[in-house]
PDB file of N, CA and C in Angstrom:
ATOM      1  N   UNK A   1      79.807 187.174  68.809  1.00  0.00           N
ATOM      2  CA  UNK A   1      80.486 187.365  69.891  1.00  0.00           C
ATOM      3  C   UNK A   1      82.380 188.646  70.283  1.00  0.00           C
ATOM      4  N   UNK A   2      82.246 188.819  71.688  1.00  0.00           N
ATOM      5  CA  UNK A   2      83.296 189.371  72.574  1.00  0.00           C
ATOM      6  C   UNK A   2      84.514 189.098  71.673  1.00  0.00           C
ATOM      7  N   UNK A   3      85.275 190.759  71.593  1.00  0.00           N
ATOM      8  CA  UNK A   3      86.409 190.673  71.723  1.00  0.00           C
ATOM      9  C   UNK A   3      87.331 190.927  72.684  1.00  0.00           C
ATOM     10  N   UNK A   4      86.996 190.953  73.969  1.00  0.00           N
ATOM     11  CA  UNK A   4      88.011 190.925  75.281  1.00  0.00           C
ATOM     12  C   UNK A   4      88.751 189.937  75.544  1.00  0.00           C
ATOM     13  N   UNK A   5      90.118 190.255  75.690  1.00  0.00           N
ATOM     14  CA  UNK A   5      90.865 188.800  75.381  1.00  0.00           C
ATOM     15  C   UNK A   5      90.274 188.803  77.143  1.00  0.00           C
ATOM     16  N   UNK A   6      90.620 187.189  77.850  1.00  0.00           N
ATOM     17  CA  UNK A   6      90.589 186.761  79.263  1.00  0.00           C
ATOM     18  C   UNK A   6      91.774 185.691  79.631  1.00  0.00           C
ATOM     19  N   UNK A   7      92.098 186.549  80.831  1.00  0.00           N
ATOM     20  CA  UNK A   7      92.837 185.382  81.884  1.00  0.00           C
ATOM     21  C   UNK A   7      92.261 183.728  81.672  1.00  0.00           C
ATOM     22  N   UNK A   8      93.725 183.296  81.368  1.00  0.00           N
ATOM     23  CA  UNK A   8      93.363 181.256  81.329  1.00  0.00           C
ATOM     24  C   UNK A   8      93.015 180.922  83.434  1.00  0.00           C
ATOM     25  N   UNK A   9      91.923 180.516  83.441  1.00  0.00           N
ATOM     26  CA  UNK A   9      90.827 179.987  84.083  1.00  0.00           C
ATOM     27  C   UNK A   9      92.032 179.314  85.040  1.00  0.00           C
ATOM     28  N   UNK A  10      91.515 179.631  86.428  1.00  0.00           N
ATOM     29  CA  UNK A  10      93.499 178.739  87.355  1.00  0.00           C
ATOM     30  C   UNK A  10      92.710 177.535  87.067  1.00  0.00           C
ATOM     31  N   UNK A  11      94.113 177.086  87.222  1.00  0.00           N
ATOM     32  CA  UNK A  11      94.230 174.852  86.730  1.00  0.00           C
ATOM     33  C   UNK A  11      94.663 174.343  85.570  1.00  0.00           C
ATOM     34  N   UNK A  12      93.752 175.845  85.154  1.00  0.00           N
ATOM     35  CA  UNK A  12      93.497 175.398  83.249  1.00  0.00           C
ATOM     36  C   UNK A  12      94.863 174.826  83.102  1.00  0.00           C
ATOM     37  N   UNK A  13      96.055 176.386  82.797  1.00  0.00           N
ATOM     38  CA  UNK A  13      97.043 176.483  82.570  1.00  0.00           C
ATOM     39  C   UNK A  13      98.309 174.803  81.730  1.00  0.00           C
ATOM     40  N   UNK A  14      98.364 173.966  83.098  1.00  0.00           N
ATOM     41  CA  UNK A  14      99.122 172.991  82.971  1.00  0.00           C
ATOM     42  C   UNK A  14      98.180 172.390  82.395  1.00  0.00           C
ATOM     43  N   UNK A  15      97.025 172.497  82.140  1.00  0.00           N
ATOM     44  CA  UNK A  15      96.300 171.167  81.261  1.00  0.00           C
ATOM     45  C   UNK A  15      96.535 171.320  79.813  1.00  0.00           C
ATOM     46  N   UNK A  16      96.421 172.666  79.395  1.00  0.00           N
ATOM     47  CA  UNK A  16      96.444 173.344  78.018  1.00  0.00           C
ATOM     48  C   UNK A  16      98.756 173.351  77.391  1.00  0.00           C
ATOM     49  N   UNK A  17      99.093 173.229  79.130  1.00  0.00           N
ATOM     50  CA  UNK A  17     100.356 173.083  77.994  1.00  0.00           C
ATOM     51  C   UNK A  17     100.870 171.084  77.651  1.00  0.00           C
ATOM     52  N   UNK A  18     100.209 170.885  78.882  1.00  0.00           N
ATOM     53  CA  UNK A  18     100.494 169.008  78.512  1.00  0.00           C
ATOM     54  C   UNK A  18      99.603 168.784  76.689  1.00  0.00           C
ATOM     55  N   UNK A  19      98.194 169.609  77.107  1.00  0.00           N
ATOM     56  CA  UNK A  19      97.796 168.654  75.619  1.00  0.00           C
ATOM     57  C   UNK A  19      99.212 169.712  74.328  1.00  0.00           C
ATOM     58  N   UNK A  20      99.311 170.743  74.788  1.00  0.00           N
ATOM     59  CA  UNK A  20      99.613 171.246  73.347  1.00  0.00           C
ATOM     60  C   UNK A  20     100.768 170.250  73.110  1.00  0.00           C
ATOM     61  N   UNK A  21     101.293 170.189  74.414  1.00  0.00           N
ATOM     62  CA  UNK A  21     103.412 169.089  74.060  1.00  0.00           C
ATOM     63  C   UNK A  21     102.699 167.799  73.551  1.00  0.00           C
ATOM     64  N   UNK A  22     101.834 167.539  73.717  1.00  0.00           N
ATOM     65  CA  UNK A  22     101.609 166.337  73.459  1.00  0.00           C
ATOM     66  C   UNK A  22     101.056 165.705  71.963  1.00  0.00           C
ATOM     67  N   UNK A  23     100.271 167.352  71.475  1.00  0.00           N
ATOM     68  CA  UNK A  23     100.086 167.209  69.817  1.00  0.00           C
ATOM     69  C   UNK A  23     100.675 167.400  69.098  1.00  0.00           C
ATOM     70  N   UNK A  24     101.613 168.984  69.605  1.00  0.00           N
ATOM     71  CA  UNK A  24     102.472 168.953  68.352  1.00  0.00           C
ATOM     72  C   UNK A  24     104.446 169.002  68.557  1.00  0.00           C
ATOM     73  N   UNK A  25     104.147 168.039  70.001  1.00  0.00           N
ATOM     74  CA  UNK A  25     105.722 167.733  69.757  1.00  0.00           C
ATOM     75  C   UNK A  25     106.878 168.696  70.881  1.00  0.00           C
ATOM     76  N   UNK A  26     107.943 169.007  70.923  1.00  0.00           N
ATOM     77  CA  UNK A  26     108.590 169.368  71.361  1.00  0.00           C
ATOM     78  C   UNK A  26     108.450 171.270  71.721  1.00  0.00           C
ATOM     79  N   UNK A  27     108.508 172.196  72.021  1.00  0.00           N
ATOM     80  CA  UNK A  27     107.777 172.944  72.202  1.00  0.00           C
ATOM     81  C   UNK A  27     109.062 174.016  73.321  1.00  0.00           C
ATOM     82  N   UNK A  28     109.550 175.792  72.363  1.00  0.00           N
ATOM     83  CA  UNK A  28     110.208 176.380  73.655  1.00  0.00           C
ATOM     84  C   UNK A  28     108.821 176.945  74.199  1.00  0.00           C
ATOM     85  N   UNK A  29     108.867 177.768  75.548  1.00  0.00           N
ATOM     86  CA  UNK A  29     107.793 178.171  76.171  1.00  0.00           C
ATOM     87  C   UNK A  29     106.937 179.522  75.350  1.00  0.00           C
ATOM     88  N   UNK A  30     107.973 180.048  75.115  1.00  0.00           N
ATOM     89  CA  UNK A  30     107.749 181.147  74.069  1.00  0.00           C
ATOM     90  C   UNK A  30     106.481 180.388  73.399  1.00  0.00           C
ATOM     91  N   UNK A  31     106.932 179.923  72.507  1.00  0.00           N
ATOM     92  CA  UNK A  31     105.942 179.002  71.364  1.00  0.00           C
ATOM     93  C   UNK A  31     104.993 178.140  71.758  1.00  0.00           C
ATOM     94  N   UNK A  32     104.807 177.449  73.329  1.00  0.00           N
ATOM     95  CA  UNK A  32     103.829 177.226  73.563  1.00  0.00           C
ATOM     96  C   UNK A  32     102.406 178.216  74.400  1.00  0.00           C
ATOM     97  N   UNK A  33     102.966 178.736  74.348  1.00  0.00           N
ATOM     98  CA  UNK A  33     102.530 180.339  74.572  1.00  0.00           C
ATOM     99  C   UNK A  33     101.301 180.315  73.388  1.00  0.00           C
ATOM    100  N   UNK A  34     102.110 181.334  72.878  1.00  0.00           N
ATOM    101  CA  UNK A  34     101.868 182.024  71.091  1.00  0.00           C
ATOM    102  C   UNK A  34     100.847 180.450  71.054  1.00  0.00           C
ATOM    103  N   UNK A  35     101.220 179.586  70.648  1.00  0.00           N
ATOM    104  CA  UNK A  35     100.594 178.460  70.045  1.00  0.00           C
ATOM    105  C   UNK A  35      99.075 178.390  70.919  1.00  0.00           C
ATOM    106  N   UNK A  36      99.048 177.958  72.195  1.00  0.00           N
ATOM    107  CA  UNK A  36      97.604 178.221  73.240  1.00  0.00           C
ATOM    108  C   UNK A  36      96.729 179.771  72.829  1.00  0.00           C
ATOM    109  N   UNK A  37      97.393 180.875  73.105  1.00  0.00           N
ATOM    110  CA  UNK A  37      96.470 182.228  72.503  1.00  0.00           C
ATOM    111  C   UNK A  37      95.787 181.872  71.000  1.00  0.00           C
ATOM    112  N   UNK A  38      96.789 181.840  69.993  1.00  0.00           N
ATOM    113  CA  UNK A  38      95.973 181.419  68.495  1.00  0.00           C
ATOM    114  C   UNK A  38      95.591 179.768  68.775  1.00  0.00           C
ATOM    115  N   UNK A  39      95.086 179.262  69.167  1.00  0.00           N
ATOM    116  CA  UNK A  39      94.194 178.006  69.396  1.00  0.00           C
ATOM    117  C   UNK A  39      92.853 178.638  70.061  1.00  0.00           C
ATOM    118  N   UNK A  40      92.719 179.839  70.951  1.00  0.00           N
ATOM    119  CA  UNK A  40      91.453 180.334  71.308  1.00  0.00           C
ATOM    120  C   UNK A  40      91.115 181.218  70.987  1.00  0.00           C
ATOM    121  N   UNK A  41      92.596 182.098  69.582  1.00  0.00           N
ATOM    122  CA  UNK A  41      91.746 183.162  68.947  1.00  0.00           C
ATOM    123  C   UNK A  41      91.734 184.275  69.744  1.00  0.00           C
ATOM    124  N   UNK A  42      93.009 184.539  69.972  1.00  0.00           N
ATOM    125  CA  UNK A  42      92.832 185.642  70.942  1.00  0.00           C
ATOM    126  C   UNK A  42      92.252 185.727  71.929  1.00  0.00           C
ATOM    127  N   UNK A  43      91.080 185.050  72.801  1.00  0.00           N
ATOM    128  CA  UNK A  43      90.194 184.964  73.721  1.00  0.00           C
ATOM    129  C   UNK A  43      91.141 184.973  75.294  1.00  0.00           C
ATOM    130  N   UNK A  44      92.242 184.254  74.762  1.00  0.00           N
ATOM    131  CA  UNK A  44      92.850 184.155  75.780  1.00  0.00           C
ATOM    132  C   UNK A  44      94.460 184.858  75.965  1.00  0.00           C
ATOM    133  N   UNK A  45      94.289 185.358  76.767  1.00  0.00           N
ATOM    134  CA  UNK A  45      95.748 186.204  76.355  1.00  0.00           C
ATOM    135  C   UNK A  45      97.270 185.441  77.931  1.00  0.00           C
ATOM    136  N   UNK A  46      98.370 184.792  77.952  1.00  0.00           N
ATOM    137  CA  UNK A  46      99.004 184.165  78.646  1.00  0.00           C
ATOM    138  C   UNK A  46     100.279 185.467  78.659  1.00  0.00           C
ATOM    139  N   UNK A  47     100.243 184.959  80.458  1.00  0.00           N
ATOM    140  CA  UNK A  47     101.613 185.792  80.795  1.00  0.00           C
ATOM    141  C   UNK A  47     102.984 185.093  80.855  1.00  0.00           C
ATOM    142  N   UNK A  48     102.970 185.239  79.861  1.00  0.00           N
ATOM    143  CA  UNK A  48     105.370 184.709  80.305  1.00  0.00           C
ATOM    144  C   UNK A  48     105.232 183.711  81.257  1.00  0.00           C
ATOM    145  N   UNK A  49     105.515 185.358  82.312  1.00  0.00           N
ATOM    146  CA  UNK A  49     106.146 184.649  83.244  1.00  0.00           C
ATOM    147  C   UNK A  49     104.865 183.368  84.221  1.00  0.00           C
ATOM    148  N   UNK A  50     103.946 183.633  83.898  1.00  0.00           N
ATOM    149  CA  UNK A  50     103.081 182.372  84.409  1.00  0.00           C
ATOM    150  C   UNK A  50     102.992 180.880  83.944  1.00  0.00           C
ATOM    151  N   UNK A  51     103.719 181.250  82.151  1.00  0.00           N
ATOM    152  CA  UNK A  51     103.126 180.172  81.755  1.00  0.00           C
ATOM    153  C   UNK A  51     105.085 179.836  82.260  1.00  0.00           C
ATOM    154  N   UNK A  52     106.016 180.427  81.818  1.00  0.00           N
ATOM    155  CA  UNK A  52     107.656 179.779  82.506  1.00  0.00           C
ATOM    156  C   UNK A  52     107.428 178.918  83.815  1.00  0.00           C
ATOM    157  N   UNK A  53     106.369 179.562  84.516  1.00  0.00           N
ATOM    158  CA  UNK A  53     105.981 178.984  86.214  1.00  0.00           C
ATOM    159  C   UNK A  53     105.168 178.027  86.384  1.00  0.00           C
ATOM    160  N   UNK A  54     104.605 177.625  85.295  1.00  0.00           N
ATOM    161  CA  UNK A  54     103.744 176.161  85.500  1.00  0.00           C
ATOM    162  C   UNK A  54     104.680 175.165  84.015  1.00  0.00           C
ATOM    163  N   UNK A  55     105.615 175.928  83.471  1.00  0.00           N
ATOM    164  CA  UNK A  55     106.582 174.894  83.027  1.00  0.00           C
ATOM    165  C   UNK A  55     107.929 174.191  83.945  1.00  0.00           C
ATOM    166  N   UNK A  56     107.778 175.206  84.849  1.00  0.00           N
ATOM    167  CA  UNK A  56     109.016 174.711  86.202  1.00  0.00           C
ATOM    168  C   UNK A  56     107.991 173.723  87.223  1.00  0.00           C
ATOM    169  N   UNK A  57     106.580 174.243  87.292  1.00  0.00           N
ATOM    170  CA  UNK A  57     105.970 173.635  88.001  1.00  0.00           C
ATOM    171  C   UNK A  57     106.173 171.888  87.250  1.00  0.00           C
ATOM    172  N   UNK A  58     105.414 171.875  85.969  1.00  0.00           N
ATOM    173  CA  UNK A  58     105.198 170.476  85.699  1.00  0.00           C
ATOM    174  C   UNK A  58     106.657 169.315  85.358  1.00  0.00           C
ATOM    175  N   UNK A  59     107.568 170.245  84.867  1.00  0.00           N
ATOM    176  CA  UNK A  59     109.361 169.789  84.908  1.00  0.00           C
ATOM    177  C   UNK A  59     109.431 169.183  87.060  1.00  0.00           C
ATOM    178  N   UNK A  60     109.048 169.951  87.545  1.00  0.00           N
ATOM    179  CA  UNK A  60     109.345 169.520  88.770  1.00  0.00           C
ATOM    180  C   UNK A  60     108.837 168.289  89.561  1.00  0.00           C
ATOM    181  N   UNK A  61     107.391 167.761  88.252  1.00  0.00           N
ATOM    182  CA  UNK A  61     106.304 166.690  88.423  1.00  0.00           C
ATOM    183  C   UNK A  61     106.994 165.767  87.875  1.00  0.00           C
ATOM    184  N   UNK A  62     108.161 165.732  87.162  1.00  0.00           N
ATOM    185  CA  UNK A  62     108.280 165.023  85.947  1.00  0.00           C
ATOM    186  C   UNK A  62     107.553 164.940  85.244  1.00  0.00           C
ATOM    187  N   UNK A  63     106.421 165.536  84.543  1.00  0.00           N
ATOM    188  CA  UNK A  63     105.287 165.357  83.700  1.00  0.00           C
ATOM    189  C   UNK A  63     105.960 165.887  82.059  1.00  0.00           C
ATOM    190  N   UNK A  64     106.735 166.905  82.993  1.00  0.00           N
ATOM    191  CA  UNK A  64     107.526 167.456  81.078  1.00  0.00           C
ATOM    192  C   UNK A  64     108.905 167.099  81.523  1.00  0.00           C
ATOM    193  N   UNK A  65     109.705 167.648  80.192  1.00  0.00           N
ATOM    194  CA  UNK A  65     111.292 167.476  80.442  1.00  0.00           C
ATOM    195  C   UNK A  65     111.951 168.257  79.462  1.00  0.00           C
ATOM    196  N   UNK A  66     112.978 168.706  78.998  1.00  0.00           N
ATOM    197  CA  UNK A  66     113.698 169.865  78.466  1.00  0.00           C
ATOM    198  C   UNK A  66     115.261 169.458  78.520  1.00  0.00           C
ATOM    199  N   UNK A  67     115.233 170.481  76.892  1.00  0.00           N
ATOM    200  CA  UNK A  67     117.016 170.297  76.414  1.00  0.00           C
ATOM    201  C   UNK A  67     116.972 171.642  75.639  1.00  0.00           C
ATOM    202  N   UNK A  68     118.287 171.629  75.743  1.00  0.00           N
ATOM    203  CA  UNK A  68     118.495 173.430  75.224  1.00  0.00           C
ATOM    204  C   UNK A  68     118.257 172.873  74.047  1.00  0.00           C
ATOM    205  N   UNK A  69     117.700 174.222  72.904  1.00  0.00           N
ATOM    206  CA  UNK A  69     118.072 173.969  71.263  1.00  0.00           C
ATOM    207  C   UNK A  69     117.824 175.346  70.533  1.00  0.00           C
ATOM    208  N   UNK A  70     117.739 175.417  69.486  1.00  0.00           N
ATOM    209  CA  UNK A  70     117.925 176.833  69.065  1.00  0.00           C
ATOM    210  C   UNK A  70     116.509 176.666  68.435  1.00  0.00           C
ATOM    211  N   UNK A  71     115.910 178.038  68.552  1.00  0.00           N
ATOM    212  CA  UNK A  71     114.400 178.805  67.946  1.00  0.00           C
ATOM    213  C   UNK A  71     114.585 178.360  66.749  1.00  0.00           C
ATOM    214  N   UNK A  72     113.391 178.705  66.492  1.00  0.00           N
ATOM    215  CA  UNK A  72     113.425 179.346  64.266  1.00  0.00           C
ATOM    216  C   UNK A  72     113.952 180.382  63.987  1.00  0.00           C
ATOM    217  N   UNK A  73     114.365 180.982  65.088  1.00  0.00           N
ATOM    218  CA  UNK A  73     114.447 182.465  65.253  1.00  0.00           C
ATOM    219  C   UNK A  73     116.120 182.281  65.604  1.00  0.00           C
ATOM    220  N   UNK A  74     116.833 181.484  65.186  1.00  0.00           N
ATOM    221  CA  UNK A  74     118.202 180.785  65.129  1.00  0.00           C
ATOM    222  C   UNK A  74     119.049 181.494  66.621  1.00  0.00           C
ATOM    223  N   UNK A  75     117.435 181.449  68.208  1.00  0.00           N
ATOM    224  CA  UNK A  75     118.436 181.810  68.889  1.00  0.00           C
ATOM    225  C   UNK A  75     118.563 180.269  69.989  1.00  0.00           C
ATOM    226  N   UNK A  76     118.897 180.175  71.530  1.00  0.00           N
ATOM    227  CA  UNK A  76     119.108 179.221  71.855  1.00  0.00           C
ATOM    228  C   UNK A  76     118.046 179.299  73.071  1.00  0.00           C
ATOM    229  N   UNK A  77     117.380 178.146  72.713  1.00  0.00           N
ATOM    230  CA  UNK A  77     115.534 178.434  74.344  1.00  0.00           C
ATOM    231  C   UNK A  77     116.003 176.904  73.890  1.00  0.00           C
ATOM    232  N   UNK A  78     115.033 176.503  75.199  1.00  0.00           N
ATOM    233  CA  UNK A  78     114.883 176.120  76.147  1.00  0.00           C
ATOM    234  C   UNK A  78     113.351 174.960  75.498  1.00  0.00           C
ATOM    235  N   UNK A  79     113.671 173.724  75.159  1.00  0.00           N
ATOM    236  CA  UNK A  79     112.907 172.911  74.438  1.00  0.00           C
ATOM    237  C   UNK A  79     111.958 171.914  75.246  1.00  0.00           C
ATOM    238  N   UNK A  80     110.588 172.135  75.898  1.00  0.00           N
ATOM    239  CA  UNK A  80     109.992 171.047  76.524  1.00  0.00           C
ATOM    240  C   UNK A  80     109.104 169.393  75.994  1.00  0.00           C
ATOM    241  N   UNK A  81     109.500 168.566  76.435  1.00  0.00           N
ATOM    242  CA  UNK A  81     108.901 167.089  76.052  1.00  0.00           C
ATOM    243  C   UNK A  81     108.029 167.053  76.580  1.00  0.00           C
ATOM    244  N   UNK A  82     106.848 166.522  76.530  1.00  0.00           N
ATOM    245  CA  UNK A  82     105.648 165.413  77.463  1.00  0.00           C
ATOM    246  C   UNK A  82     106.162 163.886  78.041  1.00  0.00           C
ATOM    247  N   UNK A  83     106.495 163.576  78.674  1.00  0.00           N
ATOM    248  CA  UNK A  83     107.355 162.551  79.472  1.00  0.00           C
ATOM    249  C   UNK A  83     105.997 161.363  80.112  1.00  0.00           C
ATOM    250  N   UNK A  84     105.889 159.948  79.699  1.00  0.00           N
ATOM    251  CA  UNK A  84     104.794 158.570  80.455  1.00  0.00           C
ATOM    252  C   UNK A  84     104.549 159.366  81.189  1.00  0.00           C
ATOM    253  N   UNK A  85     105.594 159.858  82.671  1.00  0.00           N
ATOM    254  CA  UNK A  85     104.308 160.462  83.418  1.00  0.00           C
ATOM    255  C   UNK A  85     103.491 161.167  82.790  1.00  0.00           C
ATOM    256  N   UNK A  86     103.749 162.481  82.543  1.00  0.00           N
ATOM    257  CA  UNK A  86     102.946 163.510  81.645  1.00  0.00           C
ATOM    258  C   UNK A  86     101.560 162.665  80.907  1.00  0.00           C
ATOM    259  N   UNK A  87     102.558 161.790  80.299  1.00  0.00           N
ATOM    260  CA  UNK A  87     100.775 161.124  79.395  1.00  0.00           C
ATOM    261  C   UNK A  87     100.236 160.689  80.397  1.00  0.00           C
ATOM    262  N   UNK A  88     100.334 161.057  81.550  1.00  0.00           N
ATOM    263  CA  UNK A  88      99.333 159.575  82.268  1.00  0.00           C
ATOM    264  C   UNK A  88      98.402 160.853  83.000  1.00  0.00           C
ATOM    265  N   UNK A  89      99.460 162.153  83.187  1.00  0.00           N
ATOM    266  CA  UNK A  89      98.218 162.875  83.874  1.00  0.00           C
ATOM    267  C   UNK A  89      97.379 163.332  82.942  1.00  0.00           C
ATOM    268  N   UNK A  90      98.244 163.309  81.409  1.00  0.00           N
ATOM    269  CA  UNK A  90      96.996 164.633  80.820  1.00  0.00           C
ATOM    270  C   UNK A  90      96.188 164.036  80.965  1.00  0.00           C
ATOM    271  N   UNK A  91      95.667 162.520  80.644  1.00  0.00           N
ATOM    272  CA  UNK A  91      94.499 161.698  80.450  1.00  0.00           C
ATOM    273  C   UNK A  91      94.084 161.788  82.034  1.00  0.00           C
ATOM    274  N   UNK A  92      94.466 162.035  83.434  1.00  0.00           N
ATOM    275  CA  UNK A  92      93.475 162.334  84.310  1.00  0.00           C
ATOM    276  C   UNK A  92      93.375 163.436  84.266  1.00  0.00           C
ATOM    277  N   UNK A  93      93.988 164.574  84.128  1.00  0.00           N
ATOM    278  CA  UNK A  93      93.552 165.873  83.992  1.00  0.00           C
ATOM    279  C   UNK A  93      92.293 165.613  83.048  1.00  0.00           C
ATOM    280  N   UNK A  94      92.655 165.242  81.671  1.00  0.00           N
ATOM    281  CA  UNK A  94      91.110 165.419  80.793  1.00  0.00           C
ATOM    282  C   UNK A  94      89.662 164.963  81.095  1.00  0.00           C
ATOM    283  N   UNK A  95      89.867 163.881  82.377  1.00  0.00           N
ATOM    284  CA  UNK A  95      89.136 163.470  82.455  1.00  0.00           C
ATOM    285  C   UNK A  95      88.483 164.513  83.434  1.00  0.00           C
ATOM    286  N   UNK A  96      89.067 165.015  83.824  1.00  0.00           N
ATOM    287  CA  UNK A  96      88.656 165.796  84.540  1.00  0.00           C
ATOM    288  C   UNK A  96      87.926 166.809  84.705  1.00  0.00           C
ATOM    289  N   UNK A  97      88.519 166.944  83.323  1.00  0.00           N
ATOM    290  CA  UNK A  97      88.005 168.436  83.228  1.00  0.00           C
ATOM    291  C   UNK A  97      86.709 168.592  82.265  1.00  0.00           C
ATOM    292  N   UNK A  98      86.766 167.656  81.420  1.00  0.00           N
ATOM    293  CA  UNK A  98      85.374 166.872  80.648  1.00  0.00           C
ATOM    294  C   UNK A  98      83.742 166.636  82.147  1.00  0.00           C
ATOM    295  N   UNK A  99      84.533 165.875  83.149  1.00  0.00           N
ATOM    296  CA  UNK A  99      83.200 165.886  84.541  1.00  0.00           C
ATOM    297  C   UNK A  99      83.070 167.465  84.724  1.00  0.00           C
ATOM    298  N   UNK A 100      83.921 168.043  85.007  1.00  0.00           N
ATOM    299  CA  UNK A 100      83.887 169.242  85.287  1.00  0.00           C
ATOM    300  C   UNK A 100      82.802 170.050  84.108  1.00  0.00           C
ATOM    301  N   UNK A 101      83.894 169.834  83.413  1.00  0.00           N
ATOM    302  CA  UNK A 101      82.954 171.286  82.433  1.00  0.00           C
ATOM    303  C   UNK A 101      81.694 170.853  81.709  1.00  0.00           C
ATOM    304  N   UNK A 102      80.972 169.705  82.209  1.00  0.00           N
ATOM    305  CA  UNK A 102      79.749 168.470  81.683  1.00  0.00           C
ATOM    306  C   UNK A 102      78.818 169.174  82.778  1.00  0.00           C
ATOM    307  N   UNK A 103      79.276 169.306  84.129  1.00  0.00           N
ATOM    308  CA  UNK A 103      78.686 170.188  85.558  1.00  0.00           C
ATOM    309  C   UNK A 103      78.558 171.201  85.038  1.00  0.00           C
ATOM    310  N   UNK A 104      79.139 172.002  84.608  1.00  0.00           N
ATOM    311  CA  UNK A 104      79.393 173.185  84.530  1.00  0.00           C
ATOM    312  C   UNK A 104      78.221 173.481  83.424  1.00  0.00           C
ATOM    313  N   UNK A 105      77.665 172.696  82.302  1.00  0.00           N
ATOM    314  CA  UNK A 105      77.006 172.883  81.158  1.00  0.00           C
ATOM    315  C   UNK A 105      75.261 172.157  81.602  1.00  0.00           C
ATOM    316  N   UNK A 106      75.409 171.680  82.543  1.00  0.00           N
ATOM    317  CA  UNK A 106      74.258 171.075  83.113  1.00  0.00           C
ATOM    318  C   UNK A 106      73.855 172.117  83.893  1.00  0.00           C
ATOM    319  N   UNK A 107      74.401 172.705  84.414  1.00  0.00           N
ATOM    320  CA  UNK A 107      74.064 173.873  85.829  1.00  0.00           C
ATOM    321  C   UNK A 107      72.871 174.906  85.286  1.00  0.00           C
ATOM    322  N   UNK A 108      74.351 176.073  83.707  1.00  0.00           N
ATOM    323  CA  UNK A 108      73.741 176.860  82.837  1.00  0.00           C
ATOM    324  C   UNK A 108      72.870 176.504  82.125  1.00  0.00           C
ATOM    325  N   UNK A 109      72.373 175.135  81.523  1.00  0.00           N
ATOM    326  CA  UNK A 109      71.103 174.969  80.906  1.00  0.00           C
ATOM    327  C   UNK A 109      69.772 175.211  82.136  1.00  0.00           C
ATOM    328  N   UNK A 110      70.036 175.124  83.437  1.00  0.00           N
ATOM    329  CA  UNK A 110      69.123 175.028  84.257  1.00  0.00           C
ATOM    330  C   UNK A 110      67.601 176.073  83.912  1.00  0.00           C
ATOM    331  N   UNK A 111      66.361 176.005  83.432  1.00  0.00           N
ATOM    332  CA  UNK A 111      65.724 176.968  83.157  1.00  0.00           C
ATOM    333  C   UNK A 111      65.264 177.358  84.794  1.00  0.00           C
ATOM    334  N   UNK A 112      64.680 178.798  84.238  1.00  0.00           N
ATOM    335  CA  UNK A 112      64.478 179.565  85.475  1.00  0.00           C
ATOM    336  C   UNK A 112      62.677 178.819  85.675  1.00  0.00           C
ATOM    337  N   UNK A 113      62.396 178.900  87.336  1.00  0.00           N
ATOM    338  CA  UNK A 113      60.967 178.128  87.327  1.00  0.00           C
ATOM    339  C   UNK A 113      59.967 179.702  87.192  1.00  0.00           C
ATOM    340  N   UNK A 114      58.721 179.403  85.514  1.00  0.00           N
ATOM    341  CA  UNK A 114      58.053 180.396  86.169  1.00  0.00           C
ATOM    342  C   UNK A 114      57.343 181.130  86.538  1.00  0.00           C
TER     343      UNK A 114
END
């Protein structure tokens, strides 16, 4: 197993944020980023600017919503939640991901002609 940390594949951060919010409920941006890094067992590194850009994009599409609250560190933070439109988009994104990863898996399994 490699110890190198990787950037998130382009186009996958929105999917991971939607899934994290669906699975864990409302979270603040820092919490979402740390949770995804933990789940990746520190393979992925998330730039917080990139995470907040994604959160803004998801909110503009009405896939998530936010409210102000108090974090576990007693700090004011914006908590994000997935919306019904976000749940529908999550289903679409998961289906697309499974289809694409299946294709990549088949290509990587090709044997060289001897």
